[in-house]
């Protein structure tokens, strides 16, 4: 059952529906000030142009017949990296967290949890004999490695930011 292609899709749909329903019934919204909104917009721009340049380089490599990964792996890798770049810039510029320390701690736990989850999934698939590199190209297994590294990096960045904010509030 777990090897079925539809199982992860069904799980994702259920999780998204759950989050949407919870968000609809929640009245409280995060309030961001103007500085945070401007920083978030700047992070959007940087991540968008990163994705644009990344896609252009991948397209140029396709034209020059340089195969380093399947086209789907290349594009998902670009989306993952640009999304993580956006999140990291928002955390660094203080445009990600709200005023609630409880929610900020949950964000750190979320990043850490997903990083470990993807790492466990990667290890399970590696133990079954799958490889990261096959026939001169990266396989889809690399996406799990990149996701785990990116989520753990976001966890570290978020934790450092929270510690710095705590120390700043104490002084």
Protein backbone atom coordinates (compact mmCIF):
# COMPACT_ATOMS: atom_id res chain seq x y z
CA UNK A 1 0.00 0.00 0.00
CA UNK A 2 2.83 2.45 0.79
CA UNK A 3 4.44 1.85 -2.62
CA UNK A 4 1.28 3.00 -4.37
CA UNK A 5 1.58 6.35 -6.16
CA UNK A 6 -1.85 7.50 -5.01
CA UNK A 7 -1.14 7.10 -1.29
CA UNK A 8 1.15 10.18 -0.94
CA UNK A 9 -1.25 12.22 -3.06
CA UNK A 10 -4.20 11.25 -0.88
CA UNK A 11 -2.24 12.10 2.28
CA UNK A 12 -1.27 15.51 0.86
CA UNK A 13 -4.87 16.29 -0.11
CA UNK A 14 -6.12 15.32 3.35
CA UNK A 15 -3.47 17.46 5.07
CA UNK A 16 -4.21 20.46 2.81
CA UNK A 17 -7.96 20.13 3.40
CA UNK A 18 -7.40 19.90 7.15
CA UNK A 19 -5.23 23.03 7.15
CA UNK A 20 -7.76 24.93 5.00
CA UNK A 21 -10.65 23.96 7.27
CA UNK A 22 -8.72 24.93 10.40
CA UNK A 23 -7.74 28.28 8.84
CA UNK A 24 -11.33 29.00 7.83
CA UNK A 25 -12.65 28.52 11.36
CA UNK A 26 -9.85 30.51 12.95
CA UNK A 27 -10.65 34.18 13.42
CA UNK A 28 -7.27 35.35 14.62
CA UNK A 29 -4.86 36.47 11.90
CA UNK A 30 -1.20 37.31 12.19
CA UNK A 31 -0.65 41.03 12.22
CA UNK A 32 2.48 42.16 10.40
CA UNK A 33 3.72 45.72 10.43
CA UNK A 34 4.74 47.68 7.35
CA UNK A 35 8.45 46.86 7.78
CA UNK A 36 7.68 43.14 7.83
CA UNK A 37 5.47 43.39 4.73
CA UNK A 38 8.21 45.27 2.83
CA UNK A 39 10.80 42.67 3.87
CA UNK A 40 8.46 39.88 2.79
CA UNK A 41 7.94 41.55 -0.60
CA UNK A 42 11.72 41.86 -1.05
CA UNK A 43 12.08 38.15 -0.23
CA UNK A 44 9.39 37.35 -2.84
CA UNK A 45 11.37 39.28 -5.45
CA UNK A 46 14.67 37.61 -4.64
CA UNK A 47 13.20 34.10 -4.66
CA UNK A 48 11.28 34.79 -7.89
CA UNK A 49 14.37 36.02 -9.71
CA UNK A 50 16.39 33.12 -8.31
CA UNK A 51 13.81 30.71 -9.75
CA UNK A 52 13.82 32.58 -13.07
CA UNK A 53 17.62 32.41 -13.34
CA UNK A 54 17.65 28.77 -12.21
CA UNK A 55 15.06 27.78 -14.85
CA UNK A 56 16.98 29.68 -17.51
CA UNK A 57 20.23 27.91 -16.62
CA UNK A 58 18.47 24.52 -16.61
CA UNK A 59 16.90 25.31 -19.99
CA UNK A 60 20.27 26.33 -21.39
CA UNK A 61 21.82 23.13 -20.09
CA UNK A 62 19.01 21.16 -21.79
CA UNK A 63 19.72 22.96 -25.07
CA UNK A 64 23.45 22.23 -24.74
CA UNK A 65 22.52 18.60 -24.02
CA UNK A 66 24.11 18.56 -20.55
CA UNK A 67 22.11 16.00 -18.57
CA UNK A 68 22.62 16.12 -14.83
CA UNK A 69 19.05 15.29 -13.76
CA UNK A 70 15.65 14.52 -15.17
CA UNK A 71 13.67 17.64 -16.17
CA UNK A 72 11.11 17.02 -13.41
CA UNK A 73 13.84 16.70 -10.77
CA UNK A 74 15.47 19.89 -12.04
CA UNK A 75 12.25 21.89 -11.84
CA UNK A 76 11.18 20.57 -8.42
CA UNK A 77 14.68 21.28 -7.15
CA UNK A 78 14.36 24.87 -8.37
CA UNK A 79 10.99 25.31 -6.70
CA UNK A 80 12.29 23.82 -3.45
CA UNK A 81 15.39 26.01 -3.41
CA UNK A 82 13.49 29.21 -4.23
CA UNK A 83 10.88 28.47 -1.55
CA UNK A 84 13.55 27.81 1.05
CA UNK A 85 15.37 30.98 -0.02
CA UNK A 86 12.13 32.91 0.51
CA UNK A 87 11.58 31.40 3.97
CA UNK A 88 15.19 31.96 5.03
CA UNK A 89 15.14 35.60 3.92
CA UNK A 90 11.85 36.16 5.73
CA UNK A 91 13.23 34.66 8.92
CA UNK A 92 16.47 36.64 8.70
CA UNK A 93 14.68 39.92 7.94
CA UNK A 94 12.14 39.27 10.73
CA UNK A 95 9.21 39.05 8.32
CA UNK A 96 8.24 35.44 9.03
CA UNK A 97 7.44 35.31 12.70
CA UNK A 98 4.44 36.85 14.36
CA UNK A 99 4.31 38.44 17.81
CA UNK A 100 3.45 35.14 19.46
CA UNK A 101 6.48 33.31 20.94
CA UNK A 102 4.39 30.13 21.07
CA UNK A 103 3.78 30.21 17.30
CA UNK A 104 7.44 30.98 16.67
CA UNK A 105 8.46 27.92 18.66
CA UNK A 106 5.96 25.86 16.68
CA UNK A 107 7.62 27.08 13.48
CA UNK A 108 11.01 25.84 14.67
CA UNK A 109 9.48 22.49 15.63
CA UNK A 110 7.70 22.33 12.25
CA UNK A 111 10.95 22.88 10.34
CA UNK A 112 12.81 20.36 12.48
CA UNK A 113 10.03 17.77 12.26
CA UNK A 114 9.81 17.91 8.49
CA UNK A 115 13.60 17.85 8.15
CA UNK A 116 13.77 14.67 10.22
CA UNK A 117 10.74 13.18 8.43
CA UNK A 118 12.36 13.64 5.01
CA UNK A 119 15.67 12.31 6.34
CA UNK A 120 13.96 9.16 7.66
CA UNK A 121 12.18 8.68 4.34
CA UNK A 122 15.51 9.10 2.52
CA UNK A 123 17.21 6.52 4.75
CA UNK A 124 14.37 4.03 4.28
CA UNK A 125 14.56 4.31 0.52
CA UNK A 126 18.36 4.07 0.56
CA UNK A 127 18.08 0.93 2.70
CA UNK A 128 15.85 -0.60 0.01
CA UNK A 129 18.69 -0.24 -2.50
CA UNK A 130 17.70 2.97 -4.26
CA UNK A 131 20.51 5.35 -5.22
CA UNK A 132 20.95 9.10 -5.51
CA UNK A 133 22.80 8.96 -8.84
CA UNK A 134 21.89 6.58 -11.66
CA UNK A 135 22.99 6.49 -15.30
CA UNK A 136 24.70 9.87 -15.02
CA UNK A 137 21.63 11.66 -13.63
CA UNK A 138 20.28 12.55 -10.22
CA UNK A 139 17.24 10.54 -9.19
CA UNK A 140 14.12 11.76 -7.39
CA UNK A 141 15.68 10.56 -4.15
CA UNK A 142 17.88 13.67 -4.22
CA UNK A 143 14.78 15.78 -3.61
CA UNK A 144 14.32 14.15 -0.20
CA UNK A 145 17.96 14.85 0.66
CA UNK A 146 17.64 18.49 -0.39
CA UNK A 147 14.35 18.87 1.50
CA UNK A 148 15.78 17.41 4.69
CA UNK A 149 18.87 19.62 4.54
CA UNK A 150 16.80 22.72 3.74
CA UNK A 151 14.26 22.15 6.52
CA UNK A 152 16.98 21.50 9.09
CA UNK A 153 18.80 24.64 7.90
CA UNK A 154 15.56 26.63 8.28
CA UNK A 155 15.19 25.16 11.78
CA UNK A 156 18.69 26.31 12.72
CA UNK A 157 18.15 29.78 11.22
CA UNK A 158 14.81 30.11 13.03
CA UNK A 159 16.22 28.92 16.35
CA UNK A 160 19.15 31.34 16.11
CA UNK A 161 16.76 34.17 15.28
CA UNK A 162 14.53 33.33 18.26
CA UNK A 163 17.52 33.15 20.61
CA UNK A 164 18.78 36.50 19.34
CA UNK A 165 15.33 38.04 19.85
CA UNK A 166 15.15 36.64 23.39
CA UNK A 167 18.57 38.02 24.26
CA UNK A 168 17.60 41.36 22.76
CA UNK A 169 14.42 41.47 24.82
CA UNK A 170 16.33 40.67 28.03
CA UNK A 171 18.83 43.49 27.52
